Amino acid sequence: MRVTYQREMKVKAELDRLEIENFVPIRYKMVDDGSEIPRRDLVPAINNLIFVRSTQERISGLKASNEVLEGVASVAIAFVAVGLLREV
């Protein structure tokens, strides 16, 4: 799922609330806000990307009815891969 305007964490929180399995790769970034000691912030490692395990129909339905997920673009190829993953 591709997320615009750096709303990855907001969309992730909404997917978590809806109990939809998802993953946002994150990393630490040093931020200098003018204080003596720079701080470490957790930020998405890949901008505008969330990995989601669900069906395309379910995500499309949620995008149509959920205010937080409106405007989120989905990538069709990601849904094809979900059907190929099987636990052994």
PDB file of N, CA and C in Angstrom:
ATOM      1  N   MET A   1       0.857  -1.157   0.000  1.00  0.00           N
ATOM      2  CA  MET A   1       0.000   0.000   0.000  1.00  0.00           C
ATOM      3  C   MET A   1       0.909   1.227   0.000  1.00  0.00           C
ATOM      4  N   ARG A   2       0.602   2.188  -0.840  1.00  0.00           N
ATOM      5  CA  ARG A   2       1.388   3.415  -0.919  1.00  0.00           C
ATOM      6  C   ARG A   2       0.613   4.515  -0.219  1.00  0.00           C
ATOM      7  N   VAL A   3       1.282   5.199   0.690  1.00  0.00           N
ATOM      8  CA  VAL A   3       0.661   6.251   1.491  1.00  0.00           C
ATOM      9  C   VAL A   3       1.299   7.580   1.106  1.00  0.00           C
ATOM     10  N   THR A   4       0.489   8.604   0.893  1.00  0.00           N
ATOM     11  CA  THR A   4       1.029   9.900   0.511  1.00  0.00           C
ATOM     12  C   THR A   4       1.091  10.850   1.696  1.00  0.00           C
ATOM     13  N   TYR A   5       1.845  11.899   1.540  1.00  0.00           N
ATOM     14  CA  TYR A   5       1.959  12.985   2.517  1.00  0.00           C
ATOM     15  C   TYR A   5       2.447  12.508   3.882  1.00  0.00           C
ATOM     16  N   GLN A   6       3.294  11.495   3.897  1.00  0.00           N
ATOM     17  CA  GLN A   6       3.930  10.982   5.107  1.00  0.00           C
ATOM     18  C   GLN A   6       2.958  10.705   6.237  1.00  0.00           C
ATOM     19  N   ARG A   7       1.891   9.987   5.881  1.00  0.00           N
ATOM     20  CA  ARG A   7       0.879   9.587   6.862  1.00  0.00           C
ATOM     21  C   ARG A   7       1.040   8.124   7.246  1.00  0.00           C
ATOM     22  N   GLU A   8       2.234   7.573   7.059  1.00  0.00           N
ATOM     23  CA  GLU A   8       2.431   6.142   7.284  1.00  0.00           C
ATOM     24  C   GLU A   8       1.995   5.704   8.683  1.00  0.00           C
ATOM     25  N   MET A   9       2.441   6.433   9.698  1.00  0.00           N
ATOM     26  CA  MET A   9       2.162   6.008  11.071  1.00  0.00           C
ATOM     27  C   MET A   9       0.682   6.191  11.422  1.00  0.00           C
ATOM     28  N   LYS A  10       0.029   7.190  10.860  1.00  0.00           N
ATOM     29  CA  LYS A  10      -1.400   7.390  11.099  1.00  0.00           C
ATOM     30  C   LYS A  10      -2.208   6.250  10.464  1.00  0.00           C
ATOM     31  N   VAL A  11      -1.843   5.878   9.235  1.00  0.00           N
ATOM     32  CA  VAL A  11      -2.530   4.775   8.557  1.00  0.00           C
ATOM     33  C   VAL A  11      -2.231   3.462   9.264  1.00  0.00           C
ATOM     34  N   LYS A  12      -0.978   3.261   9.718  1.00  0.00           N
ATOM     35  CA  LYS A  12      -0.622   2.044  10.451  1.00  0.00           C
ATOM     36  C   LYS A  12      -1.469   1.929  11.717  1.00  0.00           C
ATOM     37  N   ALA A  13      -1.625   3.020  12.440  1.00  0.00           N
ATOM     38  CA  ALA A  13      -2.431   2.998  13.667  1.00  0.00           C
ATOM     39  C   ALA A  13      -3.878   2.621  13.354  1.00  0.00           C
ATOM     40  N   GLU A  14      -4.414   3.122  12.249  1.00  0.00           N
ATOM     41  CA  GLU A  14      -5.790   2.791  11.877  1.00  0.00           C
ATOM     42  C   GLU A  14      -5.896   1.318  11.477  1.00  0.00           C
ATOM     43  N   LEU A  15      -4.919   0.806  10.727  1.00  0.00           N
ATOM     44  CA  LEU A  15      -4.931  -0.617  10.355  1.00  0.00           C
ATOM     45  C   LEU A  15      -4.811  -1.499  11.593  1.00  0.00           C
ATOM     46  N   ASP A  16      -3.972  -1.091  12.555  1.00  0.00           N
ATOM     47  CA  ASP A  16      -3.864  -1.829  13.816  1.00  0.00           C
ATOM     48  C   ASP A  16      -5.204  -1.838  14.551  1.00  0.00           C
ATOM     49  N   ARG A  17      -5.887  -0.695  14.582  1.00  0.00           N
ATOM     50  CA  ARG A  17      -7.186  -0.599  15.249  1.00  0.00           C
ATOM     51  C   ARG A  17      -8.208  -1.530  14.593  1.00  0.00           C
ATOM     52  N   LEU A  18      -8.115  -1.668  13.266  1.00  0.00           N
ATOM     53  CA  LEU A  18      -9.022  -2.545  12.523  1.00  0.00           C
ATOM     54  C   LEU A  18      -8.551  -4.002  12.519  1.00  0.00           C
ATOM     55  N   GLU A  19      -7.443  -4.274  13.218  1.00  0.00           N
ATOM     56  CA  GLU A  19      -6.851  -5.612  13.326  1.00  0.00           C
ATOM     57  C   GLU A  19      -6.491  -6.193  11.965  1.00  0.00           C
ATOM     58  N   ILE A  20      -5.897  -5.361  11.104  1.00  0.00           N
ATOM     59  CA  ILE A  20      -5.381  -5.790   9.811  1.00  0.00           C
ATOM     60  C   ILE A  20      -3.867  -5.847   9.935  1.00  0.00           C
ATOM     61  N   GLU A  21      -3.295  -7.017   9.634  1.00  0.00           N
ATOM     62  CA  GLU A  21      -1.857  -7.200   9.766  1.00  0.00           C
ATOM     63  C   GLU A  21      -1.125  -6.262   8.818  1.00  0.00           C
ATOM     64  N   ASN A  22      -0.136  -5.503   9.360  1.00  0.00           N
ATOM     65  CA  ASN A  22       0.620  -4.555   8.549  1.00  0.00           C
ATOM     66  C   ASN A  22       2.014  -4.374   9.131  1.00  0.00           C
ATOM     67  N   PHE A  23       2.884  -3.771   8.323  1.00  0.00           N
ATOM     68  CA  PHE A  23       4.268  -3.562   8.739  1.00  0.00           C
ATOM     69  C   PHE A  23       4.801  -2.307   8.071  1.00  0.00           C
ATOM     70  N   VAL A  24       5.383  -1.425   8.870  1.00  0.00           N
ATOM     71  CA  VAL A  24       6.074  -0.247   8.357  1.00  0.00           C
ATOM     72  C   VAL A  24       7.536  -0.383   8.776  1.00  0.00           C
ATOM     73  N   PRO A  25       8.460  -0.551   7.816  1.00  0.00           N
ATOM     74  CA  PRO A  25       9.875  -0.619   8.201  1.00  0.00           C
ATOM     75  C   PRO A  25      10.311   0.744   8.752  1.00  0.00           C
ATOM     76  N   ILE A  26      10.891   0.760   9.947  1.00  0.00           N
ATOM     77  CA  ILE A  26      11.292   2.020  10.562  1.00  0.00           C
ATOM     78  C   ILE A  26      12.775   1.998  10.909  1.00  0.00           C
ATOM     79  N   ARG A  27      13.329   3.192  11.085  1.00  0.00           N
ATOM     80  CA  ARG A  27      14.736   3.339  11.449  1.00  0.00           C
ATOM     81  C   ARG A  27      14.867   4.557  12.351  1.00  0.00           C
ATOM     82  N   TYR A  28      16.002   4.660  13.015  1.00  0.00           N
ATOM     83  CA  TYR A  28      16.279   5.839  13.817  1.00  0.00           C
ATOM     84  C   TYR A  28      16.918   6.916  12.950  1.00  0.00           C
ATOM     85  N   LYS A  29      16.540   8.169  13.194  1.00  0.00           N
ATOM     86  CA  LYS A  29      17.116   9.312  12.488  1.00  0.00           C
ATOM     87  C   LYS A  29      17.508  10.344  13.532  1.00  0.00           C
ATOM     88  N   MET A  30      18.708  10.867  13.422  1.00  0.00           N
ATOM     89  CA  MET A  30      19.158  11.909  14.344  1.00  0.00           C
ATOM     90  C   MET A  30      18.545  13.238  13.921  1.00  0.00           C
ATOM     91  N   VAL A  31      17.896  13.912  14.861  1.00  0.00           N
ATOM     92  CA  VAL A  31      17.231  15.178  14.585  1.00  0.00           C
ATOM     93  C   VAL A  31      17.866  16.254  15.451  1.00  0.00           C
ATOM     94  N   ASP A  32      18.326  17.311  14.799  1.00  0.00           N
ATOM     95  CA  ASP A  32      18.906  18.452  15.514  1.00  0.00           C
ATOM     96  C   ASP A  32      17.863  19.558  15.548  1.00  0.00           C
ATOM     97  N   ASP A  33      17.235  19.722  16.711  1.00  0.00           N
ATOM     98  CA  ASP A  33      16.176  20.714  16.828  1.00  0.00           C
ATOM     99  C   ASP A  33      16.664  22.012  17.464  1.00  0.00           C
ATOM    100  N   GLY A  34      17.965  22.214  17.498  1.00  0.00           N
ATOM    101  CA  GLY A  34      18.520  23.442  18.046  1.00  0.00           C
ATOM    102  C   GLY A  34      18.942  23.327  19.494  1.00  0.00           C
ATOM    103  N   SER A  35      18.603  22.224  20.163  1.00  0.00           N
ATOM    104  CA  SER A  35      19.035  22.041  21.547  1.00  0.00           C
ATOM    105  C   SER A  35      20.480  21.536  21.543  1.00  0.00           C
ATOM    106  N   GLU A  36      21.066  21.439  22.724  1.00  0.00           N
ATOM    107  CA  GLU A  36      22.465  21.018  22.822  1.00  0.00           C
ATOM    108  C   GLU A  36      22.672  19.579  22.376  1.00  0.00           C
ATOM    109  N   ILE A  37      21.695  18.740  22.662  1.00  0.00           N
ATOM    110  CA  ILE A  37      21.842  17.317  22.353  1.00  0.00           C
ATOM    111  C   ILE A  37      20.836  16.928  21.274  1.00  0.00           C
ATOM    112  N   PRO A  38      21.331  16.416  20.135  1.00  0.00           N
ATOM    113  CA  PRO A  38      20.375  15.945  19.118  1.00  0.00           C
ATOM    114  C   PRO A  38      19.620  14.722  19.646  1.00  0.00           C
ATOM    115  N   ARG A  39      18.417  14.508  19.153  1.00  0.00           N
ATOM    116  CA  ARG A  39      17.618  13.370  19.614  1.00  0.00           C
ATOM    117  C   ARG A  39      17.421  12.379  18.473  1.00  0.00           C
ATOM    118  N   ARG A  40      17.098  11.149  18.865  1.00  0.00           N
ATOM    119  CA  ARG A  40      16.822  10.101  17.878  1.00  0.00           C
ATOM    120  C   ARG A  40      15.317   9.949  17.749  1.00  0.00           C
ATOM    121  N   ASP A  41      14.834  10.008  16.524  1.00  0.00           N
ATOM    122  CA  ASP A  41      13.418   9.799  16.243  1.00  0.00           C
ATOM    123  C   ASP A  41      13.254   8.557  15.390  1.00  0.00           C
ATOM    124  N   LEU A  42      12.166   7.824  15.631  1.00  0.00           N
ATOM    125  CA  LEU A  42      11.827   6.703  14.754  1.00  0.00           C
ATOM    126  C   LEU A  42      11.058   7.248  13.564  1.00  0.00           C
ATOM    127  N   VAL A  43      11.547   6.952  12.356  1.00  0.00           N
ATOM    128  CA  VAL A  43      10.904   7.411  11.124  1.00  0.00           C
ATOM    129  C   VAL A  43      10.802   6.228  10.169  1.00  0.00           C
ATOM    130  N   PRO A  44       9.862   6.264   9.228  1.00  0.00           N
ATOM    131  CA  PRO A  44       9.772   5.180   8.243  1.00  0.00           C
ATOM    132  C   PRO A  44      11.065   5.076   7.428  1.00  0.00           C
ATOM    133  N   ALA A  45      11.548   3.858   7.244  1.00  0.00           N
ATOM    134  CA  ALA A  45      12.767   3.633   6.463  1.00  0.00           C
ATOM    135  C   ALA A  45      12.514   3.835   4.976  1.00  0.00           C
ATOM    136  N   ILE A  46      11.308   3.523   4.527  1.00  0.00           N
ATOM    137  CA  ILE A  46      10.928   3.706   3.127  1.00  0.00           C
ATOM    138  C   ILE A  46       9.699   4.605   3.143  1.00  0.00           C
ATOM    139  N   ASN A  47       9.856   5.808   2.622  1.00  0.00           N
ATOM    140  CA  ASN A  47       8.736   6.752   2.649  1.00  0.00           C
ATOM    141  C   ASN A  47       7.559   6.247   1.829  1.00  0.00           C
ATOM    142  N   ASN A  48       6.362   6.509   2.340  1.00  0.00           N
ATOM    143  CA  ASN A  48       5.101   6.259   1.633  1.00  0.00           C
ATOM    144  C   ASN A  48       4.811   4.790   1.373  1.00  0.00           C
ATOM    145  N   LEU A  49       5.300   3.872   2.214  1.00  0.00           N
ATOM    146  CA  LEU A  49       5.081   2.448   1.969  1.00  0.00           C
ATOM    147  C   LEU A  49       4.674   1.727   3.244  1.00  0.00           C
ATOM    148  N   ILE A  50       3.608   0.934   3.151  1.00  0.00           N
ATOM    149  CA  ILE A  50       3.155   0.069   4.236  1.00  0.00           C
ATOM    150  C   ILE A  50       2.885  -1.302   3.623  1.00  0.00           C
ATOM    151  N   PHE A  51       3.392  -2.339   4.245  1.00  0.00           N
ATOM    152  CA  PHE A  51       3.100  -3.699   3.814  1.00  0.00           C
ATOM    153  C   PHE A  51       1.841  -4.153   4.550  1.00  0.00           C
ATOM    154  N   VAL A  52       0.875  -4.671   3.801  1.00  0.00           N
ATOM    155  CA  VAL A  52      -0.410  -5.065   4.379  1.00  0.00           C
ATOM    156  C   VAL A  52      -0.748  -6.475   3.929  1.00  0.00           C
ATOM    157  N   ARG A  53      -1.212  -7.307   4.877  1.00  0.00           N
ATOM    158  CA  ARG A  53      -1.678  -8.647   4.532  1.00  0.00           C
ATOM    159  C   ARG A  53      -3.198  -8.644   4.622  1.00  0.00           C
ATOM    160  N   SER A  54      -3.832  -8.613   3.475  1.00  0.00           N
ATOM    161  CA  SER A  54      -5.288  -8.588   3.389  1.00  0.00           C
ATOM    162  C   SER A  54      -5.670  -8.851   1.944  1.00  0.00           C
ATOM    163  N   THR A  55      -6.958  -8.863   1.690  1.00  0.00           N
ATOM    164  CA  THR A  55      -7.407  -9.014   0.302  1.00  0.00           C
ATOM    165  C   THR A  55      -7.630  -7.629  -0.295  1.00  0.00           C
ATOM    166  N   GLN A  56      -7.546  -7.550  -1.587  1.00  0.00           N
ATOM    167  CA  GLN A  56      -7.763  -6.285  -2.270  1.00  0.00           C
ATOM    168  C   GLN A  56      -9.192  -5.792  -2.055  1.00  0.00           C
ATOM    169  N   GLU A  57     -10.145  -6.712  -2.022  1.00  0.00           N
ATOM    170  CA  GLU A  57     -11.538  -6.329  -1.824  1.00  0.00           C
ATOM    171  C   GLU A  57     -11.756  -5.684  -0.452  1.00  0.00           C
ATOM    172  N   ARG A  58     -11.149  -6.263   0.577  1.00  0.00           N
ATOM    173  CA  ARG A  58     -11.325  -5.713   1.925  1.00  0.00           C
ATOM    174  C   ARG A  58     -10.709  -4.320   2.030  1.00  0.00           C
ATOM    175  N   ILE A  59      -9.497  -4.151   1.513  1.00  0.00           N
ATOM    176  CA  ILE A  59      -8.832  -2.849   1.573  1.00  0.00           C
ATOM    177  C   ILE A  59      -9.606  -1.811   0.760  1.00  0.00           C
ATOM    178  N   SER A  60     -10.080  -2.215  -0.421  1.00  0.00           N
ATOM    179  CA  SER A  60     -10.852  -1.281  -1.252  1.00  0.00           C
ATOM    180  C   SER A  60     -12.126  -0.840  -0.539  1.00  0.00           C
ATOM    181  N   GLY A  61     -12.796  -1.771   0.135  1.00  0.00           N
ATOM    182  CA  GLY A  61     -13.999  -1.434   0.899  1.00  0.00           C
ATOM    183  C   GLY A  61     -13.703  -0.486   2.042  1.00  0.00           C
ATOM    184  N   LEU A  62     -12.602  -0.715   2.737  1.00  0.00           N
ATOM    185  CA  LEU A  62     -12.227   0.164   3.842  1.00  0.00           C
ATOM    186  C   LEU A  62     -11.846   1.550   3.350  1.00  0.00           C
ATOM    187  N   LYS A  63     -11.159   1.597   2.218  1.00  0.00           N
ATOM    188  CA  LYS A  63     -10.764   2.893   1.676  1.00  0.00           C
ATOM    189  C   LYS A  63     -11.980   3.728   1.304  1.00  0.00           C
ATOM    190  N   ALA A  64     -13.041   3.070   0.876  1.00  0.00           N
ATOM    191  CA  ALA A  64     -14.255   3.789   0.485  1.00  0.00           C
ATOM    192  C   ALA A  64     -15.038   4.286   1.696  1.00  0.00           C
ATOM    193  N   SER A  65     -14.916   3.588   2.843  1.00  0.00           N
ATOM    194  CA  SER A  65     -15.754   3.926   3.993  1.00  0.00           C
ATOM    195  C   SER A  65     -15.000   4.508   5.179  1.00  0.00           C
ATOM    196  N   ASN A  66     -13.667   4.500   5.156  1.00  0.00           N
ATOM    197  CA  ASN A  66     -12.883   4.942   6.307  1.00  0.00           C
ATOM    198  C   ASN A  66     -12.194   6.259   5.993  1.00  0.00           C
ATOM    199  N   GLU A  67     -12.403   7.252   6.835  1.00  0.00           N
ATOM    200  CA  GLU A  67     -11.858   8.589   6.603  1.00  0.00           C
ATOM    201  C   GLU A  67     -10.329   8.603   6.596  1.00  0.00           C
ATOM    202  N   VAL A  68      -9.699   7.823   7.457  1.00  0.00           N
ATOM    203  CA  VAL A  68      -8.238   7.804   7.537  1.00  0.00           C
ATOM    204  C   VAL A  68      -7.632   7.160   6.289  1.00  0.00           C
ATOM    205  N   LEU A  69      -8.307   6.140   5.758  1.00  0.00           N
ATOM    206  CA  LEU A  69      -7.754   5.406   4.622  1.00  0.00           C
ATOM    207  C   LEU A  69      -8.160   5.993   3.274  1.00  0.00           C
ATOM    208  N   GLU A  70      -8.972   7.028   3.260  1.00  0.00           N
ATOM    209  CA  GLU A  70      -9.331   7.675   2.000  1.00  0.00           C
ATOM    210  C   GLU A  70      -8.075   8.243   1.351  1.00  0.00           C
ATOM    211  N   GLY A  71      -7.972   8.108   0.058  1.00  0.00           N
ATOM    212  CA  GLY A  71      -6.840   8.675  -0.667  1.00  0.00           C
ATOM    213  C   GLY A  71      -5.585   7.833  -0.624  1.00  0.00           C
ATOM    214  N   VAL A  72      -5.621   6.695   0.051  1.00  0.00           N
ATOM    215  CA  VAL A  72      -4.467   5.807   0.092  1.00  0.00           C
ATOM    216  C   VAL A  72      -4.450   5.009  -1.199  1.00  0.00           C
ATOM    217  N   ALA A  73      -3.335   5.028  -1.878  1.00  0.00           N
ATOM    218  CA  ALA A  73      -3.216   4.291  -3.142  1.00  0.00           C
ATOM    219  C   ALA A  73      -2.772   2.867  -2.846  1.00  0.00           C
ATOM    220  N   SER A  74      -3.341   1.908  -3.533  1.00  0.00           N
ATOM    221  CA  SER A  74      -2.910   0.521  -3.349  1.00  0.00           C
ATOM    222  C   SER A  74      -2.194   0.049  -4.605  1.00  0.00           C
ATOM    223  N   VAL A  75      -1.249  -0.829  -4.390  1.00  0.00           N
ATOM    224  CA  VAL A  75      -0.462  -1.372  -5.487  1.00  0.00           C
ATOM    225  C   VAL A  75      -0.937  -2.793  -5.731  1.00  0.00           C
ATOM    226  N   ALA A  76      -1.487  -3.065  -6.896  1.00  0.00           N
ATOM    227  CA  ALA A  76      -2.116  -4.349  -7.183  1.00  0.00           C
ATOM    228  C   ALA A  76      -1.152  -5.514  -7.062  1.00  0.00           C
ATOM    229  N   ILE A  77       0.112  -5.345  -7.434  1.00  0.00           N
ATOM    230  CA  ILE A  77       1.078  -6.453  -7.405  1.00  0.00           C
ATOM    231  C   ILE A  77       1.260  -6.992  -5.981  1.00  0.00           C
ATOM    232  N   ALA A  78       1.102  -6.145  -4.962  1.00  0.00           N
ATOM    233  CA  ALA A  78       1.267  -6.595  -3.580  1.00  0.00           C
ATOM    234  C   ALA A  78       0.197  -7.601  -3.199  1.00  0.00           C
ATOM    235  N   PHE A  79      -0.999  -7.476  -3.741  1.00  0.00           N
ATOM    236  CA  PHE A  79      -2.085  -8.386  -3.406  1.00  0.00           C
ATOM    237  C   PHE A  79      -1.889  -9.739  -4.069  1.00  0.00           C
ATOM    238  N   VAL A  80      -1.223  -9.786  -5.199  1.00  0.00           N
ATOM    239  CA  VAL A  80      -0.946 -11.055  -5.881  1.00  0.00           C
ATOM    240  C   VAL A  80      -0.011 -11.900  -5.025  1.00  0.00           C
ATOM    241  N   ALA A  81       0.979 -11.274  -4.406  1.00  0.00           N
ATOM    242  CA  ALA A  81       1.971 -11.997  -3.608  1.00  0.00           C
ATOM    243  C   ALA A  81       1.341 -12.613  -2.367  1.00  0.00           C
ATOM    244  N   VAL A  82       0.322 -12.021  -1.808  1.00  0.00           N
ATOM    245  CA  VAL A  82      -0.305 -12.545  -0.589  1.00  0.00           C
ATOM    246  C   VAL A  82      -0.835 -13.951  -0.798  1.00  0.00           C
ATOM    247  N   GLY A  83      -1.428 -14.214  -1.937  1.00  0.00           N
ATOM    248  CA  GLY A  83      -1.968 -15.538  -2.218  1.00  0.00           C
ATOM    249  C   GLY A  83      -0.899 -16.607  -2.378  1.00  0.00           C
ATOM    250  N   LEU A  84       0.332 -16.192  -2.649  1.00  0.00           N
ATOM    251  CA  LEU A  84       1.423 -17.139  -2.858  1.00  0.00           C
ATOM    252  C   LEU A  84       2.105 -17.549  -1.560  1.00  0.00           C
ATOM    253  N   LEU A  85       1.923 -16.794  -0.498  1.00  0.00           N
ATOM    254  CA  LEU A  85       2.584 -17.091   0.768  1.00  0.00           C
ATOM    255  C   LEU A  85       1.813 -18.149   1.523  1.00  0.00           C
ATOM    256  N   ARG A  86       2.474 -19.219   1.871  1.00  0.00           N
ATOM    257  CA  ARG A  86       1.861 -20.300   2.623  1.00  0.00           C
ATOM    258  C   ARG A  86       2.798 -20.716   3.765  1.00  0.00           C
ATOM    259  N   GLU A  87       2.227 -21.003   4.924  1.00  0.00           N
ATOM    260  CA  GLU A  87       3.039 -21.513   6.011  1.00  0.00           C
ATOM    261  C   GLU A  87       3.305 -22.992   5.799  1.00  0.00           C
ATOM    262  N   VAL A  88       4.514 -23.392   6.126  1.00  0.00           N
ATOM    263  CA  VAL A  88       4.899 -24.807   5.929  1.00  0.00           C
ATOM    264  C   VAL A  88       4.895 -25.523   7.251  1.00  0.00           C
TER     265      VAL A  88
END
